[in-house]
Amino acid sequence: MYASLDDAHRAGEDLFLDHCHHTANGNRIIAESIYKFIADQQL
């Protein structure tokens, strides 16, 4: 998940509203990362 967030941050995307709340785009990236992990694990 860190790699996805790092790539988005380096691309200049807004990911956080403050120190602990994600933007809608940040939530999308996190959700996609979690989904990919679960799909890869076939859970």
PDB file of N, CA and C in Angstrom:
ATOM      1  N   MET A   1       0.825  -1.175   0.000  1.00  0.00           N
ATOM      2  CA  MET A   1       0.000   0.000   0.000  1.00  0.00           C
ATOM      3  C   MET A   1       0.881   1.255   0.000  1.00  0.00           C
ATOM      4  N   TYR A   2       2.001   1.182   0.710  1.00  0.00           N
ATOM      5  CA  TYR A   2       2.877   2.349   0.785  1.00  0.00           C
ATOM      6  C   TYR A   2       3.346   2.775  -0.607  1.00  0.00           C
ATOM      7  N   ALA A   3       3.690   1.816  -1.437  1.00  0.00           N
ATOM      8  CA  ALA A   3       4.183   2.161  -2.780  1.00  0.00           C
ATOM      9  C   ALA A   3       3.130   2.918  -3.578  1.00  0.00           C
ATOM     10  N   SER A   4       1.880   2.503  -3.488  1.00  0.00           N
ATOM     11  CA  SER A   4       0.801   3.193  -4.204  1.00  0.00           C
ATOM     12  C   SER A   4       0.627   4.614  -3.702  1.00  0.00           C
ATOM     13  N   LEU A   5       0.647   4.794  -2.383  1.00  0.00           N
ATOM     14  CA  LEU A   5       0.507   6.138  -1.808  1.00  0.00           C
ATOM     15  C   LEU A   5       1.716   7.000  -2.144  1.00  0.00           C
ATOM     16  N   ASP A   6       2.903   6.406  -2.114  1.00  0.00           N
ATOM     17  CA  ASP A   6       4.116   7.151  -2.436  1.00  0.00           C
ATOM     18  C   ASP A   6       4.103   7.611  -3.884  1.00  0.00           C
ATOM     19  N   ASP A   7       3.705   6.739  -4.796  1.00  0.00           N
ATOM     20  CA  ASP A   7       3.623   7.112  -6.214  1.00  0.00           C
ATOM     21  C   ASP A   7       2.633   8.258  -6.417  1.00  0.00           C
ATOM     22  N   ALA A   8       1.486   8.175  -5.774  1.00  0.00           N
ATOM     23  CA  ALA A   8       0.472   9.229  -5.911  1.00  0.00           C
ATOM     24  C   ALA A   8       0.983  10.542  -5.323  1.00  0.00           C
ATOM     25  N   HIS A   9       1.657  10.465  -4.194  1.00  0.00           N
ATOM     26  CA  HIS A   9       2.205  11.677  -3.567  1.00  0.00           C
ATOM     27  C   HIS A   9       3.247  12.323  -4.473  1.00  0.00           C
ATOM     28  N   ARG A  10       4.115  11.519  -5.028  1.00  0.00           N
ATOM     29  CA  ARG A  10       5.151  12.047  -5.928  1.00  0.00           C
ATOM     30  C   ARG A  10       4.544  12.665  -7.184  1.00  0.00           C
ATOM     31  N   ALA A  11       3.362  12.170  -7.588  1.00  0.00           N
ATOM     32  CA  ALA A  11       2.677  12.715  -8.762  1.00  0.00           C
ATOM     33  C   ALA A  11       1.903  13.992  -8.419  1.00  0.00           C
ATOM     34  N   GLY A  12       1.935  14.374  -7.138  1.00  0.00           N
ATOM     35  CA  GLY A  12       1.292  15.616  -6.736  1.00  0.00           C
ATOM     36  C   GLY A  12      -0.175  15.489  -6.380  1.00  0.00           C
ATOM     37  N   GLU A  13      -0.649  14.265  -6.210  1.00  0.00           N
ATOM     38  CA  GLU A  13      -2.053  14.065  -5.872  1.00  0.00           C
ATOM     39  C   GLU A  13      -2.303  14.373  -4.398  1.00  0.00           C
ATOM     40  N   ASP A  14      -3.463  14.983  -4.106  1.00  0.00           N
ATOM     41  CA  ASP A  14      -3.850  15.229  -2.725  1.00  0.00           C
ATOM     42  C   ASP A  14      -4.331  13.923  -2.118  1.00  0.00           C
ATOM     43  N   LEU A  15      -3.738  13.527  -0.994  1.00  0.00           N
ATOM     44  CA  LEU A  15      -4.080  12.259  -0.364  1.00  0.00           C
ATOM     45  C   LEU A  15      -4.671  12.444   1.027  1.00  0.00           C
ATOM     46  N   PHE A  16      -4.316  13.524   1.696  1.00  0.00           N
ATOM     47  CA  PHE A  16      -4.741  13.730   3.081  1.00  0.00           C
ATOM     48  C   PHE A  16      -5.356  15.104   3.262  1.00  0.00           C
ATOM     49  N   LEU A  17      -6.438  15.151   4.056  1.00  0.00           N
ATOM     50  CA  LEU A  17      -7.036  16.427   4.428  1.00  0.00           C
ATOM     51  C   LEU A  17      -6.267  17.045   5.592  1.00  0.00           C
ATOM     52  N   ASP A  18      -5.788  16.195   6.481  1.00  0.00           N
ATOM     53  CA  ASP A  18      -4.965  16.602   7.616  1.00  0.00           C
ATOM     54  C   ASP A  18      -4.075  15.420   7.968  1.00  0.00           C
ATOM     55  N   HIS A  19      -3.565  15.362   9.174  1.00  0.00           N
ATOM     56  CA  HIS A  19      -2.596  14.324   9.532  1.00  0.00           C
ATOM     57  C   HIS A  19      -3.180  12.919   9.635  1.00  0.00           C
ATOM     58  N   CYS A  20      -4.523  12.786   9.644  1.00  0.00           N
ATOM     59  CA  CYS A  20      -5.076  11.432   9.786  1.00  0.00           C
ATOM     60  C   CYS A  20      -6.307  11.151   8.927  1.00  0.00           C
ATOM     61  N   HIS A  21      -6.787  12.118   8.154  1.00  0.00           N
ATOM     62  CA  HIS A  21      -7.980  11.903   7.326  1.00  0.00           C
ATOM     63  C   HIS A  21      -7.603  11.962   5.848  1.00  0.00           C
ATOM     64  N   HIS A  22      -8.039  10.936   5.124  1.00  0.00           N
ATOM     65  CA  HIS A  22      -7.723  10.850   3.699  1.00  0.00           C
ATOM     66  C   HIS A  22      -8.746  11.622   2.869  1.00  0.00           C
ATOM     67  N   THR A  23      -8.306  12.095   1.713  1.00  0.00           N
ATOM     68  CA  THR A  23      -9.223  12.668   0.736  1.00  0.00           C
ATOM     69  C   THR A  23      -9.945  11.508   0.046  1.00  0.00           C
ATOM     70  N   ALA A  24     -10.932  11.830  -0.768  1.00  0.00           N
ATOM     71  CA  ALA A  24     -11.627  10.786  -1.525  1.00  0.00           C
ATOM     72  C   ALA A  24     -10.633  10.026  -2.408  1.00  0.00           C
ATOM     73  N   ASN A  25      -9.697  10.726  -3.002  1.00  0.00           N
ATOM     74  CA  ASN A  25      -8.688  10.084  -3.844  1.00  0.00           C
ATOM     75  C   ASN A  25      -7.778   9.186  -3.013  1.00  0.00           C
ATOM     76  N   GLY A  26      -7.395   9.641  -1.836  1.00  0.00           N
ATOM     77  CA  GLY A  26      -6.582   8.815  -0.946  1.00  0.00           C
ATOM     78  C   GLY A  26      -7.312   7.546  -0.548  1.00  0.00           C
ATOM     79  N   ASN A  27      -8.605   7.675  -0.233  1.00  0.00           N
ATOM     80  CA  ASN A  27      -9.418   6.498   0.104  1.00  0.00           C
ATOM     81  C   ASN A  27      -9.507   5.531  -1.068  1.00  0.00           C
ATOM     82  N   ARG A  28      -9.612   6.060  -2.280  1.00  0.00           N
ATOM     83  CA  ARG A  28      -9.684   5.212  -3.475  1.00  0.00           C
ATOM     84  C   ARG A  28      -8.410   4.393  -3.635  1.00  0.00           C
ATOM     85  N   ILE A  29      -7.266   5.041  -3.471  1.00  0.00           N
ATOM     86  CA  ILE A  29      -5.984   4.353  -3.620  1.00  0.00           C
ATOM     87  C   ILE A  29      -5.839   3.265  -2.558  1.00  0.00           C
ATOM     88  N   ILE A  30      -6.205   3.573  -1.329  1.00  0.00           N
ATOM     89  CA  ILE A  30      -6.122   2.591  -0.249  1.00  0.00           C
ATOM     90  C   ILE A  30      -7.057   1.422  -0.515  1.00  0.00           C
ATOM     91  N   ALA A  31      -8.301   1.718  -0.915  1.00  0.00           N
ATOM     92  CA  ALA A  31      -9.266   0.653  -1.192  1.00  0.00           C
ATOM     93  C   ALA A  31      -8.792  -0.242  -2.330  1.00  0.00           C
ATOM     94  N   GLU A  32      -8.238   0.350  -3.376  1.00  0.00           N
ATOM     95  CA  GLU A  32      -7.729  -0.455  -4.492  1.00  0.00           C
ATOM     96  C   GLU A  32      -6.567  -1.341  -4.047  1.00  0.00           C
ATOM     97  N   SER A  33      -5.712  -0.830  -3.185  1.00  0.00           N
ATOM     98  CA  SER A  33      -4.584  -1.616  -2.685  1.00  0.00           C
ATOM     99  C   SER A  33      -5.066  -2.792  -1.843  1.00  0.00           C
ATOM    100  N   ILE A  34      -6.044  -2.537  -0.969  1.00  0.00           N
ATOM    101  CA  ILE A  34      -6.599  -3.606  -0.135  1.00  0.00           C
ATOM    102  C   ILE A  34      -7.293  -4.649  -1.003  1.00  0.00           C
ATOM    103  N   TYR A  35      -8.072  -4.201  -1.987  1.00  0.00           N
ATOM    104  CA  TYR A  35      -8.765  -5.129  -2.877  1.00  0.00           C
ATOM    105  C   TYR A  35      -7.759  -6.005  -3.626  1.00  0.00           C
ATOM    106  N   LYS A  36      -6.696  -5.381  -4.153  1.00  0.00           N
ATOM    107  CA  LYS A  36      -5.690  -6.148  -4.892  1.00  0.00           C
ATOM    108  C   LYS A  36      -5.032  -7.179  -3.982  1.00  0.00           C
ATOM    109  N   PHE A  37      -4.709  -6.786  -2.738  1.00  0.00           N
ATOM    110  CA  PHE A  37      -4.093  -7.716  -1.803  1.00  0.00           C
ATOM    111  C   PHE A  37      -5.014  -8.909  -1.542  1.00  0.00           C
ATOM    112  N   ILE A  38      -6.294  -8.644  -1.277  1.00  0.00           N
ATOM    113  CA  ILE A  38      -7.244  -9.730  -1.007  1.00  0.00           C
ATOM    114  C   ILE A  38      -7.410 -10.621  -2.234  1.00  0.00           C
ATOM    115  N   ALA A  39      -7.522 -10.004  -3.406  1.00  0.00           N
ATOM    116  CA  ALA A  39      -7.671 -10.792  -4.627  1.00  0.00           C
ATOM    117  C   ALA A  39      -6.440 -11.664  -4.864  1.00  0.00           C
ATOM    118  N   ASP A  40      -5.260 -11.120  -4.613  1.00  0.00           N
ATOM    119  CA  ASP A  40      -4.022 -11.884  -4.799  1.00  0.00           C
ATOM    120  C   ASP A  40      -3.925 -13.049  -3.807  1.00  0.00           C
ATOM    121  N   GLN A  41      -4.476 -12.879  -2.611  1.00  0.00           N
ATOM    122  CA  GLN A  41      -4.447 -13.916  -1.590  1.00  0.00           C
ATOM    123  C   GLN A  41      -5.577 -14.935  -1.776  1.00  0.00           C
ATOM    124  N   GLN A  42      -6.501 -14.628  -2.652  1.00  0.00           N
ATOM    125  CA  GLN A  42      -7.683 -15.458  -2.929  1.00  0.00           C
ATOM    126  C   GLN A  42      -8.455 -15.741  -1.643  1.00  0.00           C
ATOM    127  N   LEU A  43      -8.667 -14.664  -0.862  1.00  0.00           N
ATOM    128  CA  LEU A  43      -9.418 -14.803   0.399  1.00  0.00           C
ATOM    129  C   LEU A  43     -10.910 -14.619   0.153  1.00  0.00           C
TER     130      LEU A  43
END
